Amino acid sequence: MEKEYYSVDEVKKIKITKHKEIMKEVLKTSLYLLFVLVLTFLTINFVGQRTEVIGSSMEPTLSEDDDLIANKIAYRFSDPERFDIIIFPYLYEEDTYYIKRIIGLPGETIYIDTDGNIYINEELLYESYGNETIKDAGLAVNPIVLEDDEYFVLGDNRNNSKDSRFIDVGNVHRSQIIGKAGFRIFPFSKFGMLTHQ
């Protein structure tokens, strides 16, 4: 078998060619990783946010340790609707978010009577999300008039929920809403889209 010999110039060309190929692969891989990082950043900040349920304020709809994906673009194209489950920050504790159901919409008047009935614009609200009669109407013992950008929210577990009835939560402004609870990813036995209406 005959050996091949290369001149010094040919060896340099081979090395330069290999170096270019390696650099091309490094550049392609770097661009791919950059694309993945940018896509992940955009998704987390503008499309969806993972949220874990802590506590029982949304029982029986949501339970402790449920993992949800909040749809952060849902309200860029439409307004929040009654009975939507929304996520918003708790103003008095950093990195703490609340998950509640919208009951009152902007411009409406909310009132809860001593029997725990919810009235919107003096009409009884018929809904089946609350799993028991409200014992503490909180601020809603007197009529609450919502501003043009305010929502009145309640937890489904009405007697174990800190929500718009209480001063440290109050009415939720549209600008505070991070997103609509859209998808349960854990536990796997409850995996799927959440029903709002």
N, C-alpha and C. Protein backbone atom coordinates (compact mmCIF):
# COMPACT_ATOMS: atom_id res chain seq x y z
N MET A 1 0.85 -1.19 0.00
CA MET A 1 0.00 0.00 0.00
C MET A 1 0.88 1.24 0.00
N GLU A 2 0.57 2.12 -0.91
CA GLU A 2 1.40 3.30 -1.10
C GLU A 2 0.93 4.44 -0.20
N LYS A 3 1.86 5.09 0.48
CA LYS A 3 1.52 6.21 1.35
C LYS A 3 1.34 7.47 0.53
N GLU A 4 0.39 8.30 1.02
CA GLU A 4 0.22 9.59 0.36
C GLU A 4 0.99 10.64 1.12
N TYR A 5 1.64 11.49 0.39
CA TYR A 5 2.39 12.57 1.00
C TYR A 5 1.79 13.90 0.56
N TYR A 6 1.71 14.82 1.53
CA TYR A 6 1.16 16.14 1.23
C TYR A 6 2.25 17.18 1.39
N SER A 7 2.15 18.15 0.58
CA SER A 7 3.10 19.26 0.71
C SER A 7 2.69 20.11 1.92
N VAL A 8 3.56 20.96 2.35
CA VAL A 8 3.29 21.85 3.49
C VAL A 8 2.06 22.71 3.19
N ASP A 9 1.95 23.22 1.98
CA ASP A 9 0.80 24.05 1.59
C ASP A 9 -0.50 23.26 1.63
N GLU A 10 -0.43 22.00 1.18
CA GLU A 10 -1.63 21.16 1.19
C GLU A 10 -2.06 20.85 2.63
N VAL A 11 -1.10 20.58 3.50
CA VAL A 11 -1.40 20.33 4.92
C VAL A 11 -2.07 21.56 5.53
N LYS A 12 -1.55 22.75 5.22
CA LYS A 12 -2.15 23.99 5.73
C LYS A 12 -3.59 24.14 5.25
N LYS A 13 -3.81 23.85 3.96
CA LYS A 13 -5.17 23.95 3.41
C LYS A 13 -6.12 22.98 4.09
N ILE A 14 -5.66 21.74 4.33
CA ILE A 14 -6.49 20.72 5.00
C ILE A 14 -6.83 21.20 6.42
N LYS A 15 -5.83 21.72 7.13
CA LYS A 15 -6.05 22.21 8.50
C LYS A 15 -7.04 23.39 8.51
N ILE A 16 -6.86 24.29 7.55
CA ILE A 16 -7.75 25.45 7.46
C ILE A 16 -9.17 24.99 7.15
N THR A 17 -9.32 24.04 6.23
CA THR A 17 -10.64 23.51 5.88
C THR A 17 -11.30 22.85 7.09
N LYS A 18 -10.55 22.02 7.82
CA LYS A 18 -11.10 21.36 9.02
C LYS A 18 -11.48 22.38 10.08
N HIS A 19 -10.61 23.40 10.24
CA HIS A 19 -10.89 24.44 11.22
C HIS A 19 -12.18 25.20 10.85
N LYS A 20 -12.37 25.49 9.57
CA LYS A 20 -13.57 26.17 9.12
C LYS A 20 -14.81 25.33 9.37
N GLU A 21 -14.71 24.01 9.11
CA GLU A 21 -15.84 23.11 9.34
C GLU A 21 -16.21 23.06 10.82
N ILE A 22 -15.17 22.98 11.67
CA ILE A 22 -15.42 22.95 13.12
C ILE A 22 -16.08 24.26 13.56
N MET A 23 -15.55 25.39 13.11
CA MET A 23 -16.11 26.69 13.48
C MET A 23 -17.55 26.83 12.99
N LYS A 24 -17.81 26.29 11.79
CA LYS A 24 -19.16 26.33 11.24
C LYS A 24 -20.12 25.53 12.12
N GLU A 25 -19.70 24.36 12.59
CA GLU A 25 -20.53 23.54 13.49
C GLU A 25 -20.74 24.22 14.83
N VAL A 26 -19.67 24.82 15.36
CA VAL A 26 -19.77 25.54 16.63
C VAL A 26 -20.76 26.71 16.49
N LEU A 27 -20.67 27.44 15.39
CA LEU A 27 -21.58 28.56 15.14
C LEU A 27 -23.02 28.09 15.01
N LYS A 28 -23.24 27.01 14.26
CA LYS A 28 -24.60 26.47 14.10
C LYS A 28 -25.18 26.04 15.44
N THR A 29 -24.38 25.33 16.24
CA THR A 29 -24.84 24.87 17.56
C THR A 29 -25.12 26.06 18.47
N SER A 30 -24.23 27.06 18.44
CA SER A 30 -24.42 28.25 19.28
C SER A 30 -25.70 29.00 18.89
N LEU A 31 -25.94 29.15 17.59
CA LEU A 31 -27.15 29.81 17.13
C LEU A 31 -28.40 29.03 17.53
N TYR A 32 -28.33 27.71 17.45
CA TYR A 32 -29.45 26.86 17.85
C TYR A 32 -29.75 27.04 19.34
N LEU A 33 -28.69 26.99 20.17
CA LEU A 33 -28.88 27.16 21.62
C LEU A 33 -29.41 28.55 21.95
N LEU A 34 -28.91 29.57 21.25
CA LEU A 34 -29.41 30.93 21.45
C LEU A 34 -30.90 31.02 21.10
N PHE A 35 -31.28 30.40 19.99
CA PHE A 35 -32.69 30.37 19.58
C PHE A 35 -33.56 29.71 20.65
N VAL A 36 -33.10 28.57 21.19
CA VAL A 36 -33.85 27.86 22.24
C VAL A 36 -33.98 28.73 23.48
N LEU A 37 -32.89 29.40 23.88
CA LEU A 37 -32.93 30.27 25.06
C LEU A 37 -33.87 31.45 24.86
N VAL A 38 -33.82 32.08 23.70
CA VAL A 38 -34.71 33.22 23.41
C VAL A 38 -36.16 32.75 23.39
N LEU A 39 -36.43 31.61 22.77
CA LEU A 39 -37.78 31.06 22.72
C LEU A 39 -38.30 30.74 24.12
N THR A 40 -37.44 30.14 24.95
CA THR A 40 -37.82 29.84 26.34
C THR A 40 -38.11 31.12 27.11
N PHE A 41 -37.25 32.12 26.96
CA PHE A 41 -37.46 33.41 27.63
C PHE A 41 -38.78 34.05 27.22
N LEU A 42 -39.05 34.08 25.91
CA LEU A 42 -40.29 34.67 25.42
C LEU A 42 -41.51 33.90 25.91
N THR A 43 -41.42 32.58 25.91
CA THR A 43 -42.54 31.75 26.38
C THR A 43 -42.84 32.02 27.85
N ILE A 44 -41.80 32.02 28.68
CA ILE A 44 -41.98 32.22 30.12
C ILE A 44 -42.51 33.61 30.42
N ASN A 45 -42.01 34.62 29.71
CA ASN A 45 -42.39 36.00 30.02
C ASN A 45 -43.64 36.50 29.32
N PHE A 46 -44.00 35.91 28.18
CA PHE A 46 -45.12 36.46 27.43
C PHE A 46 -46.22 35.47 27.07
N VAL A 47 -45.97 34.18 27.16
CA VAL A 47 -46.96 33.21 26.71
C VAL A 47 -47.54 32.40 27.86
N GLY A 48 -46.71 31.76 28.64
CA GLY A 48 -47.21 30.91 29.71
C GLY A 48 -46.34 31.00 30.95
N GLN A 49 -46.94 30.68 32.09
CA GLN A 49 -46.20 30.68 33.34
C GLN A 49 -46.66 29.49 34.17
N ARG A 50 -45.70 28.72 34.66
CA ARG A 50 -46.02 27.59 35.52
C ARG A 50 -46.35 28.13 36.91
N THR A 51 -47.44 27.64 37.47
CA THR A 51 -47.89 28.06 38.80
C THR A 51 -48.30 26.83 39.59
N GLU A 52 -47.85 26.76 40.84
CA GLU A 52 -48.22 25.65 41.71
C GLU A 52 -49.27 26.14 42.71
N VAL A 53 -50.31 25.35 42.88
CA VAL A 53 -51.38 25.71 43.83
C VAL A 53 -50.91 25.35 45.23
N ILE A 54 -50.97 26.33 46.13
CA ILE A 54 -50.65 26.11 47.53
C ILE A 54 -51.88 26.50 48.32
N GLY A 55 -52.38 25.58 49.10
CA GLY A 55 -53.58 25.84 49.89
C GLY A 55 -54.83 25.26 49.25
N SER A 56 -55.95 25.47 49.93
CA SER A 56 -57.20 24.84 49.50
C SER A 56 -58.27 25.86 49.11
N SER A 57 -57.88 27.11 48.83
CA SER A 57 -58.88 28.16 48.59
C SER A 57 -59.68 27.96 47.30
N MET A 58 -59.20 27.10 46.40
CA MET A 58 -59.93 26.87 45.15
C MET A 58 -60.53 25.46 45.09
N GLU A 59 -60.58 24.76 46.21
CA GLU A 59 -61.23 23.45 46.25
C GLU A 59 -62.71 23.61 45.94
N PRO A 60 -63.34 22.73 45.25
CA PRO A 60 -62.83 21.46 44.73
C PRO A 60 -62.23 21.57 43.33
N THR A 61 -62.23 22.76 42.73
CA THR A 61 -61.73 22.91 41.36
C THR A 61 -60.24 22.65 41.26
N LEU A 62 -59.47 23.27 42.15
CA LEU A 62 -58.02 23.10 42.18
C LEU A 62 -57.61 22.67 43.58
N SER A 63 -56.62 21.80 43.64
CA SER A 63 -56.17 21.27 44.93
C SER A 63 -54.72 21.62 45.20
N GLU A 64 -54.35 21.50 46.45
CA GLU A 64 -52.95 21.70 46.85
C GLU A 64 -52.03 20.88 45.97
N ASP A 65 -50.93 21.49 45.54
CA ASP A 65 -49.88 20.86 44.71
C ASP A 65 -50.27 20.64 43.26
N ASP A 66 -51.43 21.11 42.82
CA ASP A 66 -51.73 21.09 41.39
C ASP A 66 -50.73 22.02 40.70
N ASP A 67 -50.19 21.58 39.58
CA ASP A 67 -49.32 22.42 38.76
C ASP A 67 -50.10 22.89 37.55
N LEU A 68 -50.09 24.20 37.33
CA LEU A 68 -50.85 24.79 36.23
C LEU A 68 -49.94 25.57 35.30
N ILE A 69 -50.40 25.72 34.07
CA ILE A 69 -49.77 26.65 33.14
C ILE A 69 -50.78 27.78 32.93
N ALA A 70 -50.35 28.99 33.25
CA ALA A 70 -51.20 30.16 33.04
C ALA A 70 -51.00 30.67 31.62
N ASN A 71 -52.09 30.95 30.95
CA ASN A 71 -52.06 31.51 29.60
C ASN A 71 -51.92 33.02 29.73
N LYS A 72 -50.73 33.53 29.43
CA LYS A 72 -50.46 34.96 29.62
C LYS A 72 -50.89 35.82 28.43
N ILE A 73 -51.30 35.19 27.34
CA ILE A 73 -51.72 35.99 26.18
C ILE A 73 -53.24 36.01 26.00
N ALA A 74 -53.95 35.25 26.83
CA ALA A 74 -55.42 35.14 26.69
C ALA A 74 -56.10 36.51 26.70
N TYR A 75 -55.65 37.40 27.58
CA TYR A 75 -56.32 38.68 27.73
C TYR A 75 -55.69 39.80 26.90
N ARG A 76 -54.81 39.45 26.01
CA ARG A 76 -54.29 40.45 25.07
C ARG A 76 -55.29 40.64 23.93
N PHE A 77 -56.14 39.63 23.72
CA PHE A 77 -57.07 39.64 22.60
C PHE A 77 -58.53 39.69 23.02
N SER A 78 -58.79 39.47 24.31
CA SER A 78 -60.17 39.53 24.80
C SER A 78 -60.16 39.93 26.27
N ASP A 79 -61.31 40.33 26.76
CA ASP A 79 -61.44 40.73 28.16
C ASP A 79 -61.69 39.51 29.03
N PRO A 80 -61.24 39.58 30.29
CA PRO A 80 -61.59 38.51 31.23
C PRO A 80 -63.11 38.41 31.36
N GLU A 81 -63.59 37.19 31.55
CA GLU A 81 -65.04 36.96 31.66
C GLU A 81 -65.37 36.43 33.05
N ARG A 82 -66.65 36.58 33.40
CA ARG A 82 -67.13 36.04 34.67
C ARG A 82 -66.84 34.54 34.71
N PHE A 83 -66.37 34.09 35.85
CA PHE A 83 -66.04 32.70 36.16
C PHE A 83 -64.68 32.25 35.63
N ASP A 84 -63.94 33.12 34.92
CA ASP A 84 -62.57 32.77 34.55
C ASP A 84 -61.75 32.61 35.82
N ILE A 85 -60.80 31.69 35.80
CA ILE A 85 -59.86 31.52 36.91
C ILE A 85 -58.59 32.28 36.51
N ILE A 86 -58.24 33.26 37.32
CA ILE A 86 -57.10 34.12 36.97
C ILE A 86 -55.99 34.01 38.00
N ILE A 87 -54.81 34.44 37.58
CA ILE A 87 -53.64 34.48 38.45
C ILE A 87 -53.18 35.92 38.53
N PHE A 88 -52.93 36.38 39.76
CA PHE A 88 -52.48 37.76 39.96
C PHE A 88 -51.57 37.79 41.19
N PRO A 89 -50.69 38.79 41.28
CA PRO A 89 -49.76 38.83 42.41
C PRO A 89 -50.45 39.31 43.69
N TYR A 90 -50.00 38.75 44.80
CA TYR A 90 -50.42 39.25 46.11
C TYR A 90 -49.50 40.43 46.40
N LEU A 91 -50.07 41.61 46.59
CA LEU A 91 -49.29 42.84 46.66
C LEU A 91 -48.40 42.97 47.89
N TYR A 92 -48.67 42.17 48.93
CA TYR A 92 -47.94 42.36 50.17
C TYR A 92 -46.88 41.29 50.42
N GLU A 93 -46.62 40.44 49.43
CA GLU A 93 -45.60 39.41 49.59
C GLU A 93 -44.99 39.11 48.23
N GLU A 94 -43.69 39.33 48.12
CA GLU A 94 -43.00 39.14 46.85
C GLU A 94 -43.05 37.69 46.39
N ASP A 95 -43.16 37.50 45.09
CA ASP A 95 -43.20 36.16 44.47
C ASP A 95 -44.34 35.29 44.99
N THR A 96 -45.43 35.92 45.39
CA THR A 96 -46.62 35.19 45.82
C THR A 96 -47.77 35.56 44.90
N TYR A 97 -48.43 34.55 44.36
CA TYR A 97 -49.50 34.77 43.40
C TYR A 97 -50.77 34.10 43.90
N TYR A 98 -51.90 34.73 43.61
CA TYR A 98 -53.18 34.17 43.99
C TYR A 98 -53.89 33.64 42.75
N ILE A 99 -54.66 32.59 42.97
CA ILE A 99 -55.48 32.00 41.91
C ILE A 99 -56.92 32.07 42.41
N LYS A 100 -57.75 32.83 41.71
CA LYS A 100 -59.14 33.02 42.12
C LYS A 100 -60.05 33.05 40.90
N ARG A 101 -61.35 32.99 41.17
CA ARG A 101 -62.35 33.01 40.10
C ARG A 101 -63.00 34.39 40.03
N ILE A 102 -63.12 34.93 38.81
CA ILE A 102 -63.77 36.23 38.63
C ILE A 102 -65.27 36.07 38.85
N ILE A 103 -65.80 36.91 39.73
CA ILE A 103 -67.24 36.93 40.00
C ILE A 103 -67.85 38.23 39.49
N GLY A 104 -67.20 39.36 39.78
CA GLY A 104 -67.72 40.66 39.36
C GLY A 104 -66.87 41.30 38.29
N LEU A 105 -67.53 41.92 37.31
CA LEU A 105 -66.85 42.55 36.18
C LEU A 105 -66.85 44.08 36.31
N PRO A 106 -65.98 44.75 35.56
CA PRO A 106 -65.90 46.22 35.65
C PRO A 106 -67.27 46.89 35.52
N GLY A 107 -67.50 47.88 36.40
CA GLY A 107 -68.74 48.65 36.36
C GLY A 107 -69.89 48.03 37.13
N GLU A 108 -69.74 46.79 37.59
CA GLU A 108 -70.82 46.13 38.32
C GLU A 108 -70.77 46.46 39.81
N THR A 109 -71.90 46.25 40.47
CA THR A 109 -71.99 46.42 41.92
C THR A 109 -72.18 45.05 42.55
N ILE A 110 -71.31 44.70 43.48
CA ILE A 110 -71.32 43.39 44.13
C ILE A 110 -71.77 43.56 45.57
N TYR A 111 -72.60 42.61 46.01
CA TYR A 111 -73.09 42.63 47.39
C TYR A 111 -73.32 41.18 47.82
N ILE A 112 -72.93 40.87 49.06
CA ILE A 112 -73.19 39.53 49.61
C ILE A 112 -74.05 39.70 50.85
N ASP A 113 -75.23 39.08 50.85
CA ASP A 113 -76.15 39.25 52.00
C ASP A 113 -75.77 38.34 53.16
N THR A 114 -76.51 38.46 54.25
CA THR A 114 -76.20 37.70 55.47
C THR A 114 -76.44 36.20 55.31
N ASP A 115 -77.16 35.79 54.27
CA ASP A 115 -77.36 34.37 53.99
C ASP A 115 -76.29 33.81 53.05
N GLY A 116 -75.32 34.68 52.66
CA GLY A 116 -74.24 34.22 51.79
C GLY A 116 -74.56 34.27 50.32
N ASN A 117 -75.67 34.88 49.94
CA ASN A 117 -76.02 35.00 48.53
C ASN A 117 -75.25 36.15 47.90
N ILE A 118 -74.81 35.95 46.67
CA ILE A 118 -74.06 36.98 45.94
C ILE A 118 -75.02 37.69 44.99
N TYR A 119 -75.00 39.01 45.05
CA TYR A 119 -75.83 39.82 44.15
C TYR A 119 -74.93 40.67 43.26
N ILE A 120 -75.28 40.71 41.99
CA ILE A 120 -74.58 41.57 41.04
C ILE A 120 -75.62 42.50 40.44
N ASN A 121 -75.38 43.79 40.64
CA ASN A 121 -76.35 44.81 40.19
C ASN A 121 -77.74 44.48 40.71
N GLU A 122 -77.81 44.09 41.98
CA GLU A 122 -79.05 43.78 42.71
C GLU A 122 -79.77 42.53 42.21
N GLU A 123 -79.11 41.72 41.38
CA GLU A 123 -79.70 40.46 40.92
C GLU A 123 -78.90 39.31 41.47
N LEU A 124 -79.61 38.30 41.97
CA LEU A 124 -78.96 37.12 42.55
C LEU A 124 -78.11 36.41 41.48
N LEU A 125 -76.88 36.08 41.84
CA LEU A 125 -75.98 35.36 40.93
C LEU A 125 -76.20 33.86 41.13
N TYR A 126 -76.53 33.17 40.06
CA TYR A 126 -76.66 31.72 40.11
C TYR A 126 -75.37 31.11 39.59
N GLU A 127 -74.69 30.40 40.47
CA GLU A 127 -73.43 29.74 40.11
C GLU A 127 -73.24 28.54 41.02
N SER A 128 -72.42 27.61 40.58
CA SER A 128 -72.23 26.38 41.36
C SER A 128 -70.77 26.15 41.73
N TYR A 129 -69.96 27.19 41.68
CA TYR A 129 -68.54 27.01 41.97
C TYR A 129 -68.25 26.99 43.46
N GLY A 130 -68.93 27.86 44.22
CA GLY A 130 -68.72 27.87 45.66
C GLY A 130 -69.21 26.58 46.27
N ASN A 131 -68.35 25.93 47.08
CA ASN A 131 -68.74 24.63 47.59
C ASN A 131 -69.46 24.70 48.93
N GLU A 132 -69.73 25.91 49.42
CA GLU A 132 -70.52 26.06 50.65
C GLU A 132 -71.04 27.49 50.75
N THR A 133 -71.98 27.70 51.65
CA THR A 133 -72.56 29.03 51.86
C THR A 133 -71.52 29.96 52.48
N ILE A 134 -71.44 31.17 51.96
CA ILE A 134 -70.49 32.16 52.47
C ILE A 134 -70.90 32.58 53.88
N LYS A 135 -69.97 32.45 54.83
CA LYS A 135 -70.24 32.85 56.21
C LYS A 135 -69.78 34.28 56.49
N ASP A 136 -68.72 34.73 55.79
CA ASP A 136 -68.16 36.06 56.02
C ASP A 136 -68.17 36.84 54.71
N ALA A 137 -69.07 37.81 54.62
CA ALA A 137 -69.17 38.63 53.40
C ALA A 137 -68.02 39.63 53.30
N GLY A 138 -67.32 39.85 54.40
CA GLY A 138 -66.20 40.79 54.40
C GLY A 138 -66.63 42.16 53.92
N LEU A 139 -65.84 42.77 53.05
CA LEU A 139 -66.13 44.10 52.52
C LEU A 139 -67.44 44.14 51.74
N ALA A 140 -67.84 42.98 51.19
CA ALA A 140 -69.04 42.93 50.33
C ALA A 140 -70.33 42.90 51.14
N VAL A 141 -70.24 43.04 52.47
CA VAL A 141 -71.44 43.19 53.28
C VAL A 141 -72.14 44.50 52.90
N ASN A 142 -71.37 45.43 52.39
CA ASN A 142 -71.89 46.67 51.80
C ASN A 142 -71.62 46.61 50.30
N PRO A 143 -72.49 47.19 49.48
CA PRO A 143 -72.28 47.14 48.04
C PRO A 143 -70.91 47.68 47.63
N ILE A 144 -70.24 46.95 46.75
CA ILE A 144 -68.94 47.35 46.20
C ILE A 144 -69.13 47.68 44.73
N VAL A 145 -68.83 48.92 44.36
CA VAL A 145 -68.95 49.32 42.96
C VAL A 145 -67.57 49.19 42.32
N LEU A 146 -67.49 48.37 41.29
CA LEU A 146 -66.21 48.14 40.61
C LEU A 146 -65.93 49.25 39.60
N GLU A 147 -64.68 49.69 39.57
CA GLU A 147 -64.25 50.70 38.60
C GLU A 147 -64.15 50.05 37.22
N ASP A 148 -63.83 50.86 36.22
CA ASP A 148 -63.77 50.38 34.83
C ASP A 148 -62.70 49.33 34.57
N ASP A 149 -61.73 49.22 35.47
CA ASP A 149 -60.65 48.25 35.26
C ASP A 149 -60.54 47.26 36.43
N GLU A 150 -61.62 47.08 37.21
CA GLU A 150 -61.56 46.24 38.41
C GLU A 150 -62.43 44.99 38.28
N TYR A 151 -61.95 43.93 38.95
CA TYR A 151 -62.66 42.65 38.98
C TYR A 151 -62.78 42.21 40.44
N PHE A 152 -63.91 41.63 40.76
CA PHE A 152 -64.14 41.08 42.10
C PHE A 152 -63.94 39.58 41.98
N VAL A 153 -63.04 39.03 42.81
CA VAL A 153 -62.70 37.60 42.72
C VAL A 153 -62.98 36.88 44.03
N LEU A 154 -63.34 35.62 43.91
CA LEU A 154 -63.55 34.75 45.07
C LEU A 154 -62.85 33.42 44.83
N GLY A 155 -62.45 32.78 45.92
CA GLY A 155 -61.99 31.40 45.83
C GLY A 155 -63.21 30.50 45.83
N ASP A 156 -63.12 29.32 45.22
CA ASP A 156 -64.27 28.40 45.21
C ASP A 156 -64.56 27.85 46.61
N ASN A 157 -63.54 27.74 47.43
CA ASN A 157 -63.70 27.30 48.81
C ASN A 157 -63.97 28.55 49.65
N ARG A 158 -65.19 29.06 49.54
CA ARG A 158 -65.55 30.41 49.99
C ARG A 158 -65.21 30.72 51.45
N ASN A 159 -65.25 29.74 52.32
CA ASN A 159 -64.98 30.01 53.73
C ASN A 159 -63.53 29.73 54.11
N ASN A 160 -62.71 29.47 53.11
CA ASN A 160 -61.29 29.26 53.36
C ASN A 160 -60.49 29.94 52.24
N SER A 161 -60.86 31.19 51.95
CA SER A 161 -60.23 31.90 50.85
C SER A 161 -60.02 33.36 51.20
N LYS A 162 -58.80 33.85 50.97
CA LYS A 162 -58.52 35.27 51.10
C LYS A 162 -58.70 35.85 49.70
N ASP A 163 -59.70 36.70 49.51
CA ASP A 163 -60.04 37.17 48.17
C ASP A 163 -60.53 38.61 48.22
N SER A 164 -61.31 39.03 47.23
CA SER A 164 -61.74 40.43 47.14
C SER A 164 -62.60 40.89 48.31
N ARG A 165 -63.08 39.97 49.11
CA ARG A 165 -63.87 40.36 50.28
C ARG A 165 -63.02 41.02 51.35
N PHE A 166 -61.70 40.85 51.24
CA PHE A 166 -60.81 41.30 52.31
C PHE A 166 -59.86 42.38 51.80
N ILE A 167 -59.58 43.33 52.67
CA ILE A 167 -58.87 44.55 52.28
C ILE A 167 -57.47 44.30 51.75
N ASP A 168 -56.78 43.25 52.23
CA ASP A 168 -55.41 43.02 51.76
C ASP A 168 -55.36 42.40 50.36
N VAL A 169 -56.51 42.01 49.83
CA VAL A 169 -56.59 41.56 48.43
C VAL A 169 -57.40 42.59 47.65
N GLY A 170 -58.62 42.81 48.05
CA GLY A 170 -59.46 43.82 47.41
C GLY A 170 -59.78 43.49 45.96
N ASN A 171 -60.23 44.50 45.25
CA ASN A 171 -60.56 44.33 43.84
C ASN A 171 -59.26 44.20 43.04
N VAL A 172 -59.31 43.38 42.01
CA VAL A 172 -58.12 43.14 41.19
C VAL A 172 -58.20 44.02 39.94
N HIS A 173 -57.16 44.81 39.72
CA HIS A 173 -57.11 45.67 38.54
C HIS A 173 -56.68 44.84 37.33
N ARG A 174 -57.18 45.21 36.19
CA ARG A 174 -56.86 44.50 34.94
C ARG A 174 -55.34 44.38 34.75
N SER A 175 -54.62 45.43 35.06
CA SER A 175 -53.16 45.43 34.87
C SER A 175 -52.45 44.43 35.78
N GLN A 176 -53.11 44.01 36.85
CA GLN A 176 -52.51 43.05 37.78
C GLN A 176 -52.65 41.60 37.30
N ILE A 177 -53.57 41.35 36.42
CA ILE A 177 -53.84 39.97 36.00
C ILE A 177 -52.68 39.46 35.14
N ILE A 178 -52.05 38.40 35.61
CA ILE A 178 -50.92 37.81 34.88
C ILE A 178 -51.43 36.92 33.77
N GLY A 179 -52.49 36.20 34.04
CA GLY A 179 -53.02 35.30 33.01
C GLY A 179 -54.19 34.49 33.49
N LYS A 180 -54.66 33.68 32.61
CA LYS A 180 -55.81 32.81 32.85
C LYS A 180 -55.27 31.40 33.08
N ALA A 181 -55.70 30.78 34.18
CA ALA A 181 -55.27 29.41 34.45
C ALA A 181 -55.80 28.53 33.33
N GLY A 182 -54.90 27.99 32.53
CA GLY A 182 -55.34 27.31 31.33
C GLY A 182 -55.24 25.81 31.32
N PHE A 183 -54.16 25.27 31.91
CA PHE A 183 -53.87 23.85 31.73
C PHE A 183 -53.28 23.28 33.01
N ARG A 184 -53.80 22.13 33.44
CA ARG A 184 -53.23 21.46 34.61
C ARG A 184 -52.25 20.40 34.10
N ILE A 185 -50.99 20.49 34.53
CA ILE A 185 -49.99 19.52 34.08
C ILE A 185 -49.68 18.46 35.13
N PHE A 186 -50.11 18.69 36.37
CA PHE A 186 -49.90 17.71 37.44
C PHE A 186 -50.98 17.92 38.49
N PRO A 187 -51.52 16.89 39.09
CA PRO A 187 -51.18 15.47 38.92
C PRO A 187 -51.66 14.94 37.57
N PHE A 188 -51.01 13.89 37.11
CA PHE A 188 -51.31 13.34 35.79
C PHE A 188 -52.74 12.82 35.69
N SER A 189 -53.31 12.42 36.83
CA SER A 189 -54.69 11.92 36.81
C SER A 189 -55.69 13.02 36.48
N LYS A 190 -55.30 14.29 36.67
CA LYS A 190 -56.18 15.42 36.35
C LYS A 190 -55.64 16.25 35.18
N PHE A 191 -54.69 15.71 34.46
CA PHE A 191 -54.03 16.40 33.34
C PHE A 191 -55.04 16.88 32.33
N GLY A 192 -54.94 18.15 31.92
CA GLY A 192 -55.82 18.65 30.87
C GLY A 192 -56.22 20.10 31.06
N MET A 193 -57.05 20.58 30.12
CA MET A 193 -57.52 21.96 30.15
C MET A 193 -58.46 22.17 31.32
N LEU A 194 -58.44 23.37 31.88
CA LEU A 194 -59.36 23.73 32.96
C LEU A 194 -60.64 24.31 32.36
N THR A 195 -61.77 23.97 32.94
CA THR A 195 -63.05 24.51 32.49
C THR A 195 -63.36 25.75 33.32
N HIS A 196 -63.67 26.84 32.64
CA HIS A 196 -63.93 28.10 33.34
C HIS A 196 -65.41 28.45 33.39
N GLN A 197 -66.12 28.25 32.31
CA GLN A 197 -67.51 28.70 32.23
C GLN A 197 -68.47 27.56 32.55
